[in-house]
Amino acid sequence: MTAADIPQTSKIARIALVGDRSPHVKSHVRVALLLDSLASRDALALDAYWIPTADAADWTASGALAGFDGVWVLPGSPYASEAGALAAIRVAREEGIPFLGTCGGFQHALLEYARSVCGLASVAHAENDPGAEDTLIAPLACSLVGHQGLVRAEPGSLAESVLGAEQSMEHYHCNYGPEPRHLPTLTEHGLRLSGHDEDGQVRIAELPGHPFFLATLFQPELSGDGTRPHPIVRAFAEAAVEHAAEHAAGRAAGGATGRAARATARAASPAASAE
């Protein structure tokens, strides 16, 4: 089954894939297979557009990014434009657009929240600014490139609901992660750090009250061979399709209301009365 075979009652969701696409980044190559699998296995049709980070700020400034049904900030840092990645995350967060951030997307989701919501304007990502005095994202004590590890999701969290279990084995490909000292400030301002590894290090973050906002340091897109999308990827797709359906319904209701109002206005107009 392809997107063309999806039942007509299903909505096709437009998702923005924000990242600097490269054939050398395994997660980027995997995306096409995941999209096909989501369509064939789960009847979830996604119309995906790659947006380079260097262009993302313009897409957000023009309002075009807000028209998408989902935003996925993919691995591949250092990004060509930190500002572009942060702008895309902020739009998804503020506009209630389903958001998924994996690896670098997780790191930058925390960075955006710290700067925009918590007032930590000077915190930096050490990969982007190696000389920064105040880092939120710093080199890991032990590299996680090619590593697999157990992740425990907090009971009652979105992460646990999506994973369907309190723990899962996940794949990593990263060298950077959050420093602990600023994390209490993030949680005090509403961000939930809902998944940790066996050493208690943060591996999942989510935003309560948002339709779907989930970020993982691990890369769920690397799970298996891509023919059975990871539950997190599938949940993001479901949220995007739901967003598309809700907006389509809203537009239809708005159109019906507008037509009724115009009909009422015509009936009440002097010209109509004269007829």
C-alpha atoms as a PDB file:
ATOM      1  CA  MET A   1       0.000   0.000   0.000  1.00  0.00           C
ATOM      2  CA  THR A   2       1.195   3.523  -0.820  1.00  0.00           C
ATOM      3  CA  ALA A   3      -0.196   6.902   0.163  1.00  0.00           C
ATOM      4  CA  ALA A   4      -2.402   6.724  -2.929  1.00  0.00           C
ATOM      5  CA  ASP A   5      -4.017   3.577  -1.541  1.00  0.00           C
ATOM      6  CA  ILE A   6      -5.002   5.155   1.776  1.00  0.00           C
ATOM      7  CA  PRO A   7      -8.812   5.216   2.229  1.00  0.00           C
ATOM      8  CA  GLN A   8     -10.320   8.511   1.127  1.00  0.00           C
ATOM      9  CA  THR A   9     -11.742   9.017   4.619  1.00  0.00           C
ATOM     10  CA  SER A  10      -8.177   9.322   5.941  1.00  0.00           C
ATOM     11  CA  LYS A  11      -6.496  12.707   5.987  1.00  0.00           C
ATOM     12  CA  ILE A  12      -3.033  13.226   4.563  1.00  0.00           C
ATOM     13  CA  ALA A  13      -0.889  15.119   7.043  1.00  0.00           C
ATOM     14  CA  ARG A  14       1.824  17.504   5.887  1.00  0.00           C
ATOM     15  CA  ILE A  15       4.946  17.201   8.000  1.00  0.00           C
ATOM     16  CA  ALA A  16       8.094  19.291   7.983  1.00  0.00           C
ATOM     17  CA  LEU A  17      11.329  17.325   8.252  1.00  0.00           C
ATOM     18  CA  VAL A  18      13.715  19.927   9.607  1.00  0.00           C
ATOM     19  CA  GLY A  19      17.367  19.039   9.172  1.00  0.00           C
ATOM     20  CA  ASP A  20      20.286  19.202   6.804  1.00  0.00           C
ATOM     21  CA  ARG A  21      19.512  16.171   4.671  1.00  0.00           C
ATOM     22  CA  SER A  22      22.458  13.938   3.903  1.00  0.00           C
ATOM     23  CA  PRO A  23      22.848  10.449   2.407  1.00  0.00           C
ATOM     24  CA  HIS A  24      25.533   9.881   5.054  1.00  0.00           C
ATOM     25  CA  VAL A  25      23.110  10.254   7.973  1.00  0.00           C
ATOM     26  CA  LYS A  26      21.407   6.913   8.532  1.00  0.00           C
ATOM     27  CA  SER A  27      18.294   8.412  10.132  1.00  0.00           C
ATOM     28  CA  HIS A  28      17.754  10.633   7.079  1.00  0.00           C
ATOM     29  CA  VAL A  29      17.974   7.663   4.730  1.00  0.00           C
ATOM     30  CA  ARG A  30      15.595   5.700   6.945  1.00  0.00           C
ATOM     31  CA  VAL A  31      12.801   8.314   6.760  1.00  0.00           C
ATOM     32  CA  ALA A  32      11.533   7.333   3.300  1.00  0.00           C
ATOM     33  CA  LEU A  33      11.154   3.713   4.372  1.00  0.00           C
ATOM     34  CA  LEU A  34       9.360   4.752   7.552  1.00  0.00           C
ATOM     35  CA  LEU A  35       6.889   6.870   5.594  1.00  0.00           C
ATOM     36  CA  ASP A  36       6.091   3.930   3.312  1.00  0.00           C
ATOM     37  CA  SER A  37       5.707   1.613   6.298  1.00  0.00           C
ATOM     38  CA  LEU A  38       3.405   4.012   8.114  1.00  0.00           C
ATOM     39  CA  ALA A  39       1.197   4.103   5.024  1.00  0.00           C
ATOM     40  CA  SER A  40       1.195   0.364   4.387  1.00  0.00           C
ATOM     41  CA  ARG A  41       1.010  -0.932   7.961  1.00  0.00           C
ATOM     42  CA  ASP A  42      -0.938   1.771   9.755  1.00  0.00           C
ATOM     43  CA  ALA A  43      -2.825   3.645   7.003  1.00  0.00           C
ATOM     44  CA  LEU A  44      -1.127   6.860   8.109  1.00  0.00           C
ATOM     45  CA  ALA A  45      -0.439   9.048   5.098  1.00  0.00           C
ATOM     46  CA  LEU A  46       2.241  11.700   5.556  1.00  0.00           C
ATOM     47  CA  ASP A  47       3.244  14.209   2.911  1.00  0.00           C
ATOM     48  CA  ALA A  48       6.778  15.067   4.014  1.00  0.00           C
ATOM     49  CA  TYR A  49       8.830  18.124   3.081  1.00  0.00           C
ATOM     50  CA  TRP A  50      12.511  18.476   3.918  1.00  0.00           C
ATOM     51  CA  ILE A  51      13.393  21.944   5.199  1.00  0.00           C
ATOM     52  CA  PRO A  52      17.111  22.715   5.643  1.00  0.00           C
ATOM     53  CA  THR A  53      17.870  24.474   8.912  1.00  0.00           C
ATOM     54  CA  ALA A  54      19.325  27.383   6.937  1.00  0.00           C
ATOM     55  CA  ASP A  55      15.841  27.961   5.450  1.00  0.00           C
ATOM     56  CA  ALA A  56      13.779  27.168   8.537  1.00  0.00           C
ATOM     57  CA  ALA A  57      13.892  30.686   9.994  1.00  0.00           C
ATOM     58  CA  ASP A  58      12.421  32.099   6.770  1.00  0.00           C
ATOM     59  CA  TRP A  59       9.722  29.414   6.754  1.00  0.00           C
ATOM     60  CA  THR A  60       8.758  30.355  10.296  1.00  0.00           C
ATOM     61  CA  ALA A  61       8.893  34.102   9.709  1.00  0.00           C
ATOM     62  CA  SER A  62       6.593  33.814   6.694  1.00  0.00           C
ATOM     63  CA  GLY A  63       4.108  31.692   8.637  1.00  0.00           C
ATOM     64  CA  ALA A  64       4.541  28.784   6.216  1.00  0.00           C
ATOM     65  CA  LEU A  65       5.829  26.376   8.845  1.00  0.00           C
ATOM     66  CA  ALA A  66       2.738  26.947  10.984  1.00  0.00           C
ATOM     67  CA  GLY A  67       0.703  25.434   8.151  1.00  0.00           C
ATOM     68  CA  PHE A  68       2.178  21.987   8.674  1.00  0.00           C
ATOM     69  CA  ASP A  69       0.509  19.228  10.684  1.00  0.00           C
ATOM     70  CA  GLY A  70       3.730  18.034  12.252  1.00  0.00           C
ATOM     71  CA  VAL A  71       7.334  19.112  12.728  1.00  0.00           C
ATOM     72  CA  TRP A  72      10.131  16.569  13.123  1.00  0.00           C
ATOM     73  CA  VAL A  73      13.584  17.977  13.878  1.00  0.00           C
ATOM     74  CA  LEU A  74      15.943  15.191  12.853  1.00  0.00           C
ATOM     75  CA  PRO A  75      19.510  14.270  13.831  1.00  0.00           C
ATOM     76  CA  GLY A  76      22.522  15.592  11.972  1.00  0.00           C
ATOM     77  CA  SER A  77      23.975  18.289  14.191  1.00  0.00           C
ATOM     78  CA  PRO A  78      25.850  20.507  14.176  1.00  0.00           C
ATOM     79  CA  TYR A  79      23.096  22.053  12.110  1.00  0.00           C
ATOM     80  CA  ALA A  80      23.912  24.579   9.408  1.00  0.00           C
ATOM     81  CA  SER A  81      21.684  26.998  11.337  1.00  0.00           C
ATOM     82  CA  GLU A  82      21.076  26.676  15.065  1.00  0.00           C
ATOM     83  CA  ALA A  83      18.688  29.633  14.818  1.00  0.00           C
ATOM     84  CA  GLY A  84      16.651  27.885  12.124  1.00  0.00           C
ATOM     85  CA  ALA A  85      16.286  24.704  14.146  1.00  0.00           C
ATOM     86  CA  LEU A  86      15.250  26.669  17.243  1.00  0.00           C
ATOM     87  CA  ALA A  87      12.737  28.725  15.257  1.00  0.00           C
ATOM     88  CA  ALA A  88      11.058  25.587  13.927  1.00  0.00           C
ATOM     89  CA  ILE A  89      10.813  24.099  17.418  1.00  0.00           C
ATOM     90  CA  ARG A  90       9.358  27.295  18.823  1.00  0.00           C
ATOM     91  CA  VAL A  91       6.636  27.447  16.180  1.00  0.00           C
ATOM     92  CA  ALA A  92       5.621  23.842  16.876  1.00  0.00           C
ATOM     93  CA  ARG A  93       5.602  24.479  20.620  1.00  0.00           C
ATOM     94  CA  GLU A  94       3.661  27.743  20.510  1.00  0.00           C
ATOM     95  CA  GLU A  95       1.212  26.793  17.759  1.00  0.00           C
ATOM     96  CA  GLY A  96       0.296  23.392  19.173  1.00  0.00           C
ATOM     97  CA  ILE A  97       1.692  21.536  16.154  1.00  0.00           C
ATOM     98  CA  PRO A  98       2.705  17.920  16.853  1.00  0.00           C
ATOM     99  CA  PHE A  99       6.452  17.861  17.392  1.00  0.00           C
ATOM    100  CA  LEU A 100       9.094  15.164  17.449  1.00  0.00           C
ATOM    101  CA  GLY A 101      12.754  15.867  18.106  1.00  0.00           C
ATOM    102  CA  THR A 102      15.310  13.069  17.938  1.00  0.00           C
ATOM    103  CA  CYS A 103      18.969  13.243  18.965  1.00  0.00           C
ATOM    104  CA  GLY A 104      19.955  16.763  17.841  1.00  0.00           C
ATOM    105  CA  GLY A 105      16.258  17.616  17.808  1.00  0.00           C
ATOM    106  CA  PHE A 106      16.054  16.650  21.484  1.00  0.00           C
ATOM    107  CA  GLN A 107      19.106  18.738  22.340  1.00  0.00           C
ATOM    108  CA  HIS A 108      17.754  21.786  20.542  1.00  0.00           C
ATOM    109  CA  ALA A 109      14.251  21.344  21.987  1.00  0.00           C
ATOM    110  CA  LEU A 110      15.759  21.703  25.458  1.00  0.00           C
ATOM    111  CA  LEU A 111      17.848  24.647  24.288  1.00  0.00           C
ATOM    112  CA  GLU A 112      14.822  26.427  22.789  1.00  0.00           C
ATOM    113  CA  TYR A 113      12.780  25.896  25.949  1.00  0.00           C
ATOM    114  CA  ALA A 114      15.579  27.112  28.199  1.00  0.00           C
ATOM    115  CA  ARG A 115      16.063  30.294  26.215  1.00  0.00           C
ATOM    116  CA  SER A 116      12.471  31.127  25.245  1.00  0.00           C
ATOM    117  CA  VAL A 117      10.515  29.960  28.293  1.00  0.00           C
ATOM    118  CA  CYS A 118      12.956  29.830  31.195  1.00  0.00           C
ATOM    119  CA  GLY A 119      14.817  33.056  30.458  1.00  0.00           C
ATOM    120  CA  LEU A 120      18.194  31.315  30.239  1.00  0.00           C
ATOM    121  CA  ALA A 121      19.196  33.423  27.266  1.00  0.00           C
ATOM    122  CA  SER A 122      22.913  32.734  27.499  1.00  0.00           C
ATOM    123  CA  VAL A 123      22.876  28.952  27.666  1.00  0.00           C
ATOM    124  CA  ALA A 124      24.568  27.283  24.732  1.00  0.00           C
ATOM    125  CA  HIS A 125      25.084  24.026  22.874  1.00  0.00           C
ATOM    126  CA  ALA A 126      28.759  23.119  23.196  1.00  0.00           C
ATOM    127  CA  GLU A 127      28.885  21.587  19.731  1.00  0.00           C
ATOM    128  CA  ASN A 128      27.717  24.880  18.225  1.00  0.00           C
ATOM    129  CA  ASP A 129      29.669  27.123  20.617  1.00  0.00           C
ATOM    130  CA  PRO A 130      32.645  25.232  22.044  1.00  0.00           C
ATOM    131  CA  GLY A 131      33.906  28.279  23.938  1.00  0.00           C
ATOM    132  CA  ALA A 132      30.629  29.057  25.718  1.00  0.00           C
ATOM    133  CA  GLU A 133      30.843  29.655  29.456  1.00  0.00           C
ATOM    134  CA  ASP A 134      27.292  28.470  30.192  1.00  0.00           C
ATOM    135  CA  THR A 135      26.334  25.258  28.406  1.00  0.00           C
ATOM    136  CA  LEU A 136      23.032  23.414  28.564  1.00  0.00           C
ATOM    137  CA  ILE A 137      24.119  20.761  26.065  1.00  0.00           C
ATOM    138  CA  ALA A 138      27.625  19.428  26.671  1.00  0.00           C
ATOM    139  CA  PRO A 139      29.829  16.518  25.588  1.00  0.00           C
ATOM    140  CA  LEU A 140      28.777  13.232  27.136  1.00  0.00           C
ATOM    141  CA  ALA A 141      31.203  11.603  29.543  1.00  0.00           C
ATOM    142  CA  CYS A 142      30.955   8.497  27.345  1.00  0.00           C
ATOM    143  CA  SER A 143      30.023   8.667  23.674  1.00  0.00           C
ATOM    144  CA  LEU A 144      26.736   7.020  22.727  1.00  0.00           C
ATOM    145  CA  VAL A 145      27.595   6.598  19.051  1.00  0.00           C
ATOM    146  CA  GLY A 146      26.412   3.128  18.055  1.00  0.00           C
ATOM    147  CA  HIS A 147      25.243   2.433  21.591  1.00  0.00           C
ATOM    148  CA  GLN A 148      22.061   0.720  22.748  1.00  0.00           C
ATOM    149  CA  GLY A 149      20.659   1.245  26.194  1.00  0.00           C
ATOM    150  CA  LEU A 150      17.645   0.763  28.428  1.00  0.00           C
ATOM    151  CA  VAL A 151      15.329   3.757  28.845  1.00  0.00           C
ATOM    152  CA  ARG A 152      12.745   3.945  31.616  1.00  0.00           C
ATOM    153  CA  ALA A 153       9.643   6.110  31.082  1.00  0.00           C
ATOM    154  CA  GLU A 154       7.919   7.738  34.035  1.00  0.00           C
ATOM    155  CA  PRO A 155       4.547   6.223  34.938  1.00  0.00           C
ATOM    156  CA  GLY A 156       1.654   8.274  33.615  1.00  0.00           C
ATOM    157  CA  SER A 157       3.793  10.129  31.088  1.00  0.00           C
ATOM    158  CA  LEU A 158       3.147  10.532  27.378  1.00  0.00           C
ATOM    159  CA  ALA A 159       6.360   8.591  26.821  1.00  0.00           C
ATOM    160  CA  GLU A 160       5.065   5.599  28.758  1.00  0.00           C
ATOM    161  CA  SER A 161       1.731   5.761  26.974  1.00  0.00           C
ATOM    162  CA  VAL A 162       3.390   5.832  23.567  1.00  0.00           C
ATOM    163  CA  LEU A 163       5.958   3.141  24.323  1.00  0.00           C
ATOM    164  CA  GLY A 164       3.337   0.908  25.898  1.00  0.00           C
ATOM    165  CA  ALA A 165       5.772  -0.040  28.664  1.00  0.00           C
ATOM    166  CA  GLU A 166       7.842   1.521  31.420  1.00  0.00           C
ATOM    167  CA  GLN A 167      11.111   0.566  29.743  1.00  0.00           C
ATOM    168  CA  SER A 168      12.522  -0.126  26.302  1.00  0.00           C
ATOM    169  CA  MET A 169      15.864  -0.745  24.604  1.00  0.00           C
ATOM    170  CA  GLU A 170      16.834   2.179  22.375  1.00  0.00           C
ATOM    171  CA  HIS A 171      19.484   3.096  19.796  1.00  0.00           C
ATOM    172  CA  TYR A 172      21.794   6.111  20.068  1.00  0.00           C
ATOM    173  CA  HIS A 173      24.223   7.912  17.796  1.00  0.00           C
ATOM    174  CA  CYS A 174      25.315  10.990  19.709  1.00  0.00           C
ATOM    175  CA  ASN A 175      28.129  12.638  21.630  1.00  0.00           C
ATOM    176  CA  TYR A 176      26.194  15.408  23.404  1.00  0.00           C
ATOM    177  CA  GLY A 177      23.523  15.546  26.079  1.00  0.00           C
ATOM    178  CA  PRO A 178      22.031  17.860  28.721  1.00  0.00           C
ATOM    179  CA  GLU A 179      24.030  19.044  31.699  1.00  0.00           C
ATOM    180  CA  PRO A 180      22.132  18.381  34.949  1.00  0.00           C
ATOM    181  CA  ARG A 181      22.532  21.791  36.573  1.00  0.00           C
ATOM    182  CA  HIS A 182      19.941  23.658  34.474  1.00  0.00           C
ATOM    183  CA  LEU A 183      17.392  20.848  34.301  1.00  0.00           C
ATOM    184  CA  PRO A 184      15.513  21.818  37.511  1.00  0.00           C
ATOM    185  CA  THR A 185      14.815  25.212  35.938  1.00  0.00           C
ATOM    186  CA  LEU A 186      13.293  23.554  32.880  1.00  0.00           C
ATOM    187  CA  THR A 187      11.012  21.396  34.990  1.00  0.00           C
ATOM    188  CA  GLU A 188      10.019  24.359  37.178  1.00  0.00           C
ATOM    189  CA  HIS A 189       8.803  26.055  33.996  1.00  0.00           C
ATOM    190  CA  GLY A 190       6.662  23.109  32.884  1.00  0.00           C
ATOM    191  CA  LEU A 191       8.846  20.780  30.834  1.00  0.00           C
ATOM    192  CA  ARG A 192       8.602  17.149  31.919  1.00  0.00           C
ATOM    193  CA  LEU A 193      11.758  15.052  31.788  1.00  0.00           C
ATOM    194  CA  SER A 194       9.928  11.777  31.454  1.00  0.00           C
ATOM    195  CA  GLY A 195      12.547   9.217  30.451  1.00  0.00           C
ATOM    196  CA  HIS A 196      15.934   8.293  31.915  1.00  0.00           C
ATOM    197  CA  ASP A 197      18.642   5.741  31.319  1.00  0.00           C
ATOM    198  CA  GLU A 198      19.869   3.278  33.921  1.00  0.00           C
ATOM    199  CA  ASP A 199      22.190   5.932  35.373  1.00  0.00           C
ATOM    200  CA  GLY A 200      19.352   8.412  35.780  1.00  0.00           C
ATOM    201  CA  GLN A 201      20.400  10.608  32.850  1.00  0.00           C
ATOM    202  CA  VAL A 202      17.604  12.358  30.960  1.00  0.00           C
ATOM    203  CA  ARG A 203      16.732  10.723  27.659  1.00  0.00           C
ATOM    204  CA  ILE A 204      13.122  11.861  26.975  1.00  0.00           C
ATOM    205  CA  ALA A 205      11.390  15.213  27.409  1.00  0.00           C
ATOM    206  CA  GLU A 206       7.751  16.132  26.830  1.00  0.00           C
ATOM    207  CA  LEU A 207       5.478  19.134  27.282  1.00  0.00           C
ATOM    208  CA  PRO A 208       2.248  18.549  29.227  1.00  0.00           C
ATOM    209  CA  GLY A 209      -0.745  20.396  27.799  1.00  0.00           C
ATOM    210  CA  HIS A 210       0.623  20.343  24.259  1.00  0.00           C
ATOM    211  CA  PRO A 211      -1.209  18.087  21.751  1.00  0.00           C
ATOM    212  CA  PHE A 212       2.011  16.132  21.114  1.00  0.00           C
ATOM    213  CA  PHE A 213       5.487  17.341  22.024  1.00  0.00           C
ATOM    214  CA  LEU A 214       8.073  14.611  22.504  1.00  0.00           C
ATOM    215  CA  ALA A 215      11.854  14.696  22.225  1.00  0.00           C
ATOM    216  CA  THR A 216      14.324  11.829  22.651  1.00  0.00           C
ATOM    217  CA  LEU A 217      18.103  11.741  22.814  1.00  0.00           C
ATOM    218  CA  PHE A 218      17.939   8.285  21.254  1.00  0.00           C
ATOM    219  CA  GLN A 219      16.895   7.758  17.642  1.00  0.00           C
ATOM    220  CA  PRO A 220      13.652   5.765  17.368  1.00  0.00           C
ATOM    221  CA  GLU A 221      13.887   5.969  13.597  1.00  0.00           C
ATOM    222  CA  LEU A 222      16.806   3.502  13.768  1.00  0.00           C
ATOM    223  CA  SER A 223      14.734   0.795  15.441  1.00  0.00           C
ATOM    224  CA  GLY A 224      14.689  -2.481  13.518  1.00  0.00           C
ATOM    225  CA  ASP A 225      14.945  -2.364   9.748  1.00  0.00           C
ATOM    226  CA  GLY A 226      12.391   0.419   9.259  1.00  0.00           C
ATOM    227  CA  THR A 227       9.532  -1.824   8.151  1.00  0.00           C
ATOM    228  CA  ARG A 228       7.886  -1.660  11.594  1.00  0.00           C
ATOM    229  CA  PRO A 229       8.006   1.978  12.726  1.00  0.00           C
ATOM    230  CA  HIS A 230       8.962   2.560  16.339  1.00  0.00           C
ATOM    231  CA  PRO A 231       5.955   3.401  18.575  1.00  0.00           C
ATOM    232  CA  ILE A 232       7.220   6.962  19.022  1.00  0.00           C
ATOM    233  CA  VAL A 233       7.402   7.546  15.262  1.00  0.00           C
ATOM    234  CA  ARG A 234       3.957   6.001  14.822  1.00  0.00           C
ATOM    235  CA  ALA A 235       2.479   8.125  17.627  1.00  0.00           C
ATOM    236  CA  PHE A 236       3.890  11.266  16.026  1.00  0.00           C
ATOM    237  CA  ALA A 237       2.343  10.278  12.700  1.00  0.00           C
ATOM    238  CA  GLU A 238      -1.011   9.627  14.374  1.00  0.00           C
ATOM    239  CA  ALA A 239      -0.888  13.043  16.054  1.00  0.00           C
ATOM    240  CA  ALA A 240      -0.092  14.733  12.743  1.00  0.00           C
ATOM    241  CA  VAL A 241      -2.969  12.983  10.963  1.00  0.00           C
ATOM    242  CA  GLU A 242      -5.310  13.938  13.798  1.00  0.00           C
ATOM    243  CA  HIS A 243      -4.118  17.543  13.530  1.00  0.00           C
ATOM    244  CA  ALA A 244      -4.825  17.490   9.789  1.00  0.00           C
ATOM    245  CA  ALA A 245      -8.316  16.099  10.332  1.00  0.00           C
ATOM    246  CA  GLU A 246      -9.138  18.656  13.006  1.00  0.00           C
ATOM    247  CA  HIS A 247      -7.992  21.531  10.832  1.00  0.00           C
ATOM    248  CA  ALA A 248      -9.909  20.208   7.841  1.00  0.00           C
ATOM    249  CA  ALA A 249     -13.033  19.977   9.980  1.00  0.00           C
ATOM    250  CA  GLY A 250     -12.441  23.479  11.283  1.00  0.00           C
ATOM    251  CA  ARG A 251     -12.066  24.860   7.777  1.00  0.00           C
ATOM    252  CA  ALA A 252     -15.224  23.064   6.657  1.00  0.00           C
ATOM    253  CA  ALA A 253     -17.176  24.421   9.625  1.00  0.00           C
ATOM    254  CA  GLY A 254     -15.818  27.878   8.993  1.00  0.00           C
ATOM    255  CA  GLY A 255     -16.793  27.664   5.342  1.00  0.00           C
ATOM    256  CA  ALA A 256     -20.318  26.549   6.207  1.00  0.00           C
ATOM    257  CA  THR A 257     -20.663  29.355   8.748  1.00  0.00           C
ATOM    258  CA  GLY A 258     -19.405  31.842   6.211  1.00  0.00           C
ATOM    259  CA  ARG A 259     -21.834  30.654   3.545  1.00  0.00           C
ATOM    260  CA  ALA A 260     -24.733  30.830   6.002  1.00  0.00           C
ATOM    261  CA  ALA A 261     -23.742  34.337   7.040  1.00  0.00           C
ATOM    262  CA  ARG A 262     -23.521  35.483   3.439  1.00  0.00           C
ATOM    263  CA  ALA A 263     -26.934  33.975   2.674  1.00  0.00           C
ATOM    264  CA  THR A 264     -28.437  35.748   5.682  1.00  0.00           C
ATOM    265  CA  ALA A 265     -26.845  39.013   4.644  1.00  0.00           C
ATOM    266  CA  ARG A 266     -28.194  38.696   1.110  1.00  0.00           C
ATOM    267  CA  ALA A 267     -31.684  37.928   2.412  1.00  0.00           C
ATOM    268  CA  ALA A 268     -31.594  40.977   4.654  1.00  0.00           C
ATOM    269  CA  SER A 269     -30.170  43.359   2.053  1.00  0.00           C
ATOM    270  CA  PRO A 270     -32.385  46.083   0.476  1.00  0.00           C
ATOM    271  CA  ALA A 271     -31.858  44.549  -2.973  1.00  0.00           C
ATOM    272  CA  ALA A 272     -33.122  41.210  -1.740  1.00  0.00           C
ATOM    273  CA  SER A 273     -36.142  42.881  -0.132  1.00  0.00           C
ATOM    274  CA  ALA A 274     -36.987  44.644  -3.367  1.00  0.00           C
ATOM    275  CA  GLU A 275     -37.024  41.333  -5.175  1.00  0.00           C
END
